[in-house]
Each structure stands twice: as structure tokens, then as C-alpha cells.
Amino acid sequence: MVRTAEDVAEQAYDAAPFLPGRRAGLPGLRKAAAECRGCPLHEDATQTVFGEGDRSAHVLIVGEQPGDQEDRRGRPFVGPAGKVLARALEDAGIDPRQTYVTNAVKHFKFTIPEGRKRRIHKAPTLREMAACRPWLLAELKVVAPEVVVVLGSTAGKALLGPSFRVGERRGVLLPWPSHHAHDDPEALAGGLVATIHPSAVLRADDRDSAYQGLVSDLRVVVEVLEQSHDGPGGQGRPPTKSET
């Protein structure tokens, strides 16, 4: 269907009206998200790709958006970048089974070059990220992780604002942004760690160096969790890959 500029202008960019009640858990959120029409991206995508993983995860990981395989299968991080992420988590000492993974945008945005059939990823706009943000905040509130890992610029901008640059702020513990104080930061996460998106490893000229940088950033998450659980009032370090 060909959409005119007027159609786009009339489209409301806000997923909030599609969210269920506050008491809805992840299953309720996932079911409601399947019917989301909060921005035009739902029109071309195969389906909504909601987050999944450990409901009580200490670590919540936010990527950009579903890719081609994720869009077809309805699950996040099941393509090549997902395999890189799982390996990097294990090498950093984080059990992938004890994380929750999601994306800043829940529908696959793509373009199909003329004369070709393959769908090519296209980065979501700030307006599309803002429209989908209520779903991400709802996931954060239910899971209540100790650390949020943002993968790449889009995820970083979705949570830290449009001026975020992953190259400038990666591999350190970042506080929850003050301009989002109304989101009740203590109920969302204690802090954030930014790193590159695993797909950047696949695109890099020096894949080994890029991969080692990703692992190094993820090890900061392990250090944060160890300090949190071993410090005053801590409850002991959460189990890592080697302990399960």
C-alpha cells in the first residue's frame, strides 16, 4: 500500500495507548505489543518482536531493532548478531540464560533496493524510537534489572537522549539520565553500560579487535554486579556462567 505524506502526518507516534494495565506481567505486555499500532513500522514488518529471557534477570540488554531473521521468527537476537552477543556474554562471565534481551524498537524497519529481494536494515528515526519507548520502559519496570546494557547508538539514544555517542561513553557505568527522572530510575535500573552492537563486530575490518572490545565492555557489567552484591548490605554475587 502506498502511503502519502498526509497519511504519515496523521499517524500518531505513540505506543502508550496500546499498553495493558500496570499489573500486566511480561506475558500480558507481549500479547498487547503484538497488536501495537503506535507507529507506521508495524505495517511492513511481519510481526512485533518483543523481548524475552529471565524475568528476574540482573542484566537487561537493549539492542536497536529486530533484524530480518528476528522479524521472521518473532524472537530477538536469533540471527548472526545474536550469536556474537551470546558468545561475548559467556566470554565476559555472564550466563546468557540469566539475562533479558529486547530492542528499543519492536518492529523491523527495512528497505528493499530496486531489483533485489533481500530486505536491508534501515535505522529507526528518533520519532520511531520515542513512539516505542513505552514498551521498553514497561519491560524495565517488570524485570527491574540491576544493570542495563545498551548495544549501539540507537539503544543509547532511546535511553540516554539524541546526543548519545557510543564511542564516547562505552565501557563505564553510567547513571540513569536525570532528564528521565520522571521514569522512576530506582524502579528501572541502577545504571547503564554502553557498548557496540554485536553487528558492528560482523562489519568490522578487524573482527577480533572489535569482539575483544565488546567482551571488555561486558566485563564491566560483571564488576558492577560483584561490587553490588559483595558490598555493604549485599546479598552475595549473582551466579555467573561458571557457577551454573
Protein backbone atom coordinates (compact mmCIF):
# COMPACT_ATOMS: atom_id res chain seq x y z
CA MET A 1 0.00 0.00 0.00
CA VAL A 2 1.35 3.41 -1.00
CA ARG A 3 1.20 5.87 1.87
CA THR A 4 1.02 9.61 1.25
CA ALA A 5 2.68 12.36 3.28
CA GLU A 6 -0.75 13.16 4.70
CA ASP A 7 -1.12 9.58 5.91
CA VAL A 8 2.21 9.80 7.71
CA ALA A 9 1.29 13.14 9.25
CA GLU A 10 -1.95 11.71 10.61
CA GLN A 11 -0.24 8.65 12.12
CA ALA A 12 0.20 9.08 15.86
CA TYR A 13 3.69 8.11 17.02
CA ASP A 14 2.92 6.76 20.48
CA ALA A 15 2.65 3.19 21.72
CA ALA A 16 1.32 4.20 25.14
CA PRO A 17 -2.38 3.75 24.23
CA PHE A 18 -1.68 0.09 23.41
CA LEU A 19 -0.11 -0.81 26.75
CA PRO A 20 -2.14 -3.03 29.10
CA GLY A 21 -2.80 -2.19 32.76
CA ARG A 22 0.01 -1.62 35.19
CA ARG A 23 -0.31 -5.08 36.71
CA ALA A 24 0.28 -6.88 33.42
CA GLY A 25 3.41 -9.02 33.53
CA LEU A 26 5.65 -9.87 30.62
CA PRO A 27 3.12 -12.27 29.04
CA GLY A 28 0.47 -9.56 29.12
CA LEU A 29 2.85 -6.98 27.69
CA ARG A 30 3.95 -9.34 24.94
CA LYS A 31 0.36 -10.11 23.97
CA ALA A 32 -0.57 -6.43 23.88
CA ALA A 33 2.56 -5.48 21.92
CA ALA A 34 1.55 -7.92 19.19
CA GLU A 35 -1.33 -5.56 18.41
CA CYS A 36 0.64 -2.32 18.67
CA ARG A 37 -0.04 0.28 16.00
CA GLY A 38 1.87 3.06 17.70
CA CYS A 39 3.90 3.97 14.61
CA PRO A 40 3.89 3.08 10.89
CA LEU A 41 6.60 0.41 11.23
CA HIS A 42 4.02 -2.26 12.05
CA GLU A 43 2.60 -2.02 8.53
CA ASP A 44 5.54 -3.64 6.73
CA ALA A 45 7.03 -5.81 9.48
CA THR A 46 5.99 -9.46 9.73
CA GLN A 47 5.25 -9.21 13.44
CA THR A 48 6.11 -7.49 16.70
CA VAL A 49 9.34 -8.82 18.19
CA PHE A 50 9.08 -8.42 21.96
CA GLY A 51 11.83 -9.06 24.49
CA GLU A 52 12.44 -12.40 26.17
CA GLY A 53 14.59 -14.02 28.82
CA ASP A 54 14.91 -14.30 32.58
CA ARG A 55 12.04 -12.47 34.33
CA SER A 56 14.29 -11.80 37.34
CA ALA A 57 17.46 -11.01 35.36
CA HIS A 58 20.14 -8.85 36.94
CA VAL A 59 21.11 -7.71 33.42
CA LEU A 60 18.73 -6.35 30.78
CA ILE A 61 20.20 -5.91 27.30
CA VAL A 62 18.78 -3.41 24.81
CA GLY A 63 19.56 -3.58 21.10
CA GLU A 64 18.37 -1.43 18.25
CA GLN A 65 15.56 -3.26 16.46
CA PRO A 66 14.79 -6.74 15.12
CA GLY A 67 16.70 -7.88 12.05
CA ASP A 68 15.44 -9.94 9.13
CA GLN A 69 15.63 -13.29 10.93
CA GLU A 70 14.17 -11.87 14.13
CA ASP A 71 11.25 -10.43 12.18
CA ARG A 72 10.53 -13.79 10.57
CA ARG A 73 10.87 -15.83 13.76
CA GLY A 74 9.37 -13.36 16.23
CA ARG A 75 12.28 -13.55 18.69
CA PRO A 76 15.09 -11.08 19.47
CA PHE A 77 18.76 -11.78 18.75
CA VAL A 78 18.36 -15.07 16.88
CA GLY A 79 20.42 -14.00 13.85
CA PRO A 80 24.21 -13.69 13.36
CA ALA A 81 24.49 -10.71 15.74
CA GLY A 82 22.67 -12.70 18.42
CA LYS A 83 25.23 -15.48 18.17
CA VAL A 84 28.04 -12.95 18.61
CA LEU A 85 26.27 -11.50 21.65
CA ALA A 86 25.76 -14.90 23.30
CA ARG A 87 29.42 -15.80 22.83
CA ALA A 88 30.59 -12.42 24.12
CA LEU A 89 28.40 -12.70 27.22
CA GLU A 90 29.84 -16.11 28.03
CA ASP A 91 33.41 -14.92 27.47
CA ALA A 92 32.74 -11.96 29.78
CA GLY A 93 31.42 -14.28 32.51
CA ILE A 94 27.69 -13.63 32.10
CA ASP A 95 25.28 -16.51 31.63
CA PRO A 96 23.10 -15.57 28.61
CA ARG A 97 20.26 -17.63 30.11
CA GLN A 98 20.16 -15.25 33.07
CA THR A 99 19.70 -12.09 31.01
CA TYR A 100 16.68 -10.42 29.44
CA VAL A 101 17.14 -9.21 25.86
CA THR A 102 15.00 -6.75 23.96
CA ASN A 103 15.19 -3.90 21.47
CA ALA A 104 14.48 -0.19 21.57
CA VAL A 105 12.14 -0.62 18.59
CA LYS A 106 9.94 -3.71 18.32
CA HIS A 107 9.33 -3.81 14.55
CA PHE A 108 11.82 -4.44 11.74
CA LYS A 109 12.46 -1.35 9.63
CA PHE A 110 13.90 -2.10 6.23
CA THR A 111 14.26 -1.13 2.61
CA ILE A 112 14.36 -3.30 -0.49
CA PRO A 113 16.77 -1.95 -3.14
CA GLU A 114 15.37 -1.81 -6.64
CA GLY A 115 15.78 -5.07 -8.49
CA ARG A 116 16.56 -7.05 -5.34
CA LYS A 117 14.52 -9.20 -2.96
CA ARG A 118 16.65 -9.03 0.19
CA ARG A 119 15.37 -6.73 2.92
CA ILE A 120 18.09 -4.33 4.08
CA HIS A 121 18.08 -2.95 7.63
CA LYS A 122 17.28 0.74 7.95
CA ALA A 123 17.92 2.63 11.18
CA PRO A 124 14.81 3.84 13.04
CA THR A 125 14.27 7.55 13.49
CA LEU A 126 14.21 9.35 16.82
CA ARG A 127 10.45 9.72 16.40
CA GLU A 128 10.04 5.96 15.97
CA MET A 129 12.26 5.28 18.98
CA ALA A 130 10.23 7.70 21.10
CA ALA A 131 6.98 6.07 19.96
CA CYS A 132 8.19 2.62 21.03
CA ARG A 133 9.79 3.75 24.28
CA PRO A 134 6.73 2.94 26.48
CA TRP A 135 7.23 -0.77 25.73
CA LEU A 136 10.88 -0.60 26.75
CA LEU A 137 10.06 1.22 29.97
CA ALA A 138 7.34 -1.32 30.75
CA GLU A 139 9.85 -4.16 30.34
CA LEU A 140 12.34 -2.37 32.57
CA LYS A 141 9.77 -1.91 35.30
CA VAL A 142 8.74 -5.57 35.28
CA VAL A 143 12.24 -7.06 35.12
CA ALA A 144 13.81 -4.41 37.39
CA PRO A 145 17.43 -5.25 36.46
CA GLU A 146 20.47 -4.01 38.31
CA VAL A 147 22.28 -3.05 35.11
CA VAL A 148 21.04 -2.17 31.64
CA VAL A 149 23.39 -2.83 28.74
CA VAL A 150 22.77 -0.64 25.70
CA LEU A 151 24.09 -2.02 22.42
CA GLY A 152 24.96 0.67 19.91
CA SER A 153 23.84 4.20 19.21
CA THR A 154 20.13 3.60 18.68
CA ALA A 155 19.67 1.83 22.03
CA GLY A 156 21.76 4.52 23.69
CA LYS A 157 19.73 7.34 22.18
CA ALA A 158 16.49 5.65 23.20
CA LEU A 159 17.52 5.77 26.87
CA LEU A 160 20.18 8.49 27.08
CA GLY A 161 18.96 11.06 24.59
CA PRO A 162 19.71 12.04 20.97
CA SER A 163 23.21 13.35 21.71
CA PHE A 164 24.46 9.93 22.84
CA ARG A 165 27.58 8.61 21.09
CA VAL A 166 28.59 5.07 21.98
CA GLY A 167 32.26 5.67 21.16
CA GLU A 168 32.44 8.42 23.77
CA ARG A 169 30.71 6.63 26.65
CA ARG A 170 31.27 2.91 26.27
CA GLY A 171 32.64 0.54 28.89
CA VAL A 172 31.81 2.58 32.01
CA LEU A 173 28.89 2.62 34.44
CA LEU A 174 26.57 5.47 33.50
CA PRO A 175 23.88 6.83 35.85
CA TRP A 176 20.25 6.84 34.83
CA PRO A 177 19.80 10.16 32.96
CA SER A 178 18.40 12.94 35.10
CA HIS A 179 16.16 14.17 32.28
CA HIS A 180 14.27 10.88 32.62
CA ALA A 181 13.82 11.21 36.38
CA HIS A 182 10.06 11.00 35.95
CA ASP A 183 10.59 7.39 34.85
CA ASP A 184 11.39 6.46 38.47
CA PRO A 185 15.02 5.39 37.85
CA GLU A 186 15.32 3.29 41.01
CA ALA A 187 12.48 1.12 39.76
CA LEU A 188 14.09 0.74 36.35
CA ALA A 189 17.81 0.10 36.89
CA GLY A 190 20.77 1.15 38.97
CA GLY A 191 22.83 2.20 35.97
CA LEU A 192 23.73 1.58 32.36
CA VAL A 193 26.75 0.26 30.50
CA ALA A 194 27.06 1.10 26.81
CA THR A 195 28.95 -0.87 24.19
CA ILE A 196 28.88 -1.52 20.46
CA HIS A 197 26.14 -3.55 18.85
CA PRO A 198 27.29 -7.11 18.03
CA SER A 199 26.51 -6.44 14.37
CA ALA A 200 29.38 -3.92 14.42
CA VAL A 201 31.73 -6.83 15.09
CA LEU A 202 30.47 -8.57 11.95
CA ARG A 203 31.03 -5.40 9.89
CA ALA A 204 34.45 -4.56 11.33
CA ASP A 205 37.64 -4.89 9.29
CA ASP A 206 39.36 -6.27 12.38
CA ARG A 207 36.69 -8.51 13.85
CA ASP A 208 38.89 -9.91 16.59
CA SER A 209 39.73 -6.47 17.95
CA ALA A 210 36.10 -5.34 17.79
CA TYR A 211 34.97 -8.53 19.52
CA GLN A 212 37.51 -8.19 22.31
CA GLY A 213 36.32 -4.63 22.87
CA LEU A 214 32.75 -5.87 23.22
CA VAL A 215 33.81 -8.52 25.74
CA SER A 216 35.85 -5.98 27.68
CA ASP A 217 32.84 -3.66 27.98
CA LEU A 218 30.63 -6.53 29.14
CA ARG A 219 33.14 -7.41 31.86
CA VAL A 220 32.39 -4.01 33.37
CA VAL A 221 28.85 -5.31 33.95
CA VAL A 222 30.26 -8.29 35.87
CA GLU A 223 32.36 -5.94 38.02
CA VAL A 224 29.31 -3.78 38.77
CA LEU A 225 27.29 -6.81 39.84
CA GLU A 226 30.10 -8.16 42.01
CA GLN A 227 30.50 -4.83 43.80
CA SER A 228 26.76 -4.53 44.28
CA HIS A 229 26.34 -7.98 45.80
CA ASP A 230 29.55 -8.09 47.83
CA GLY A 231 29.32 -4.61 49.30
CA PRO A 232 27.57 -3.49 52.49
CA GLY A 233 24.05 -4.84 52.55
CA GLY A 234 24.76 -7.06 49.54
CA GLN A 235 23.30 -10.49 49.17
CA GLY A 236 26.22 -12.27 47.59
CA ARG A 237 27.29 -12.23 43.98
CA PRO A 238 24.69 -13.47 41.48
CA PRO A 239 25.68 -16.71 39.75
CA THR A 240 27.74 -16.35 36.58
CA LYS A 241 28.17 -18.80 33.73
CA SER A 242 30.83 -20.81 35.51
CA GLU A 243 28.66 -21.29 38.58
CA THR A 244 25.52 -22.66 36.92
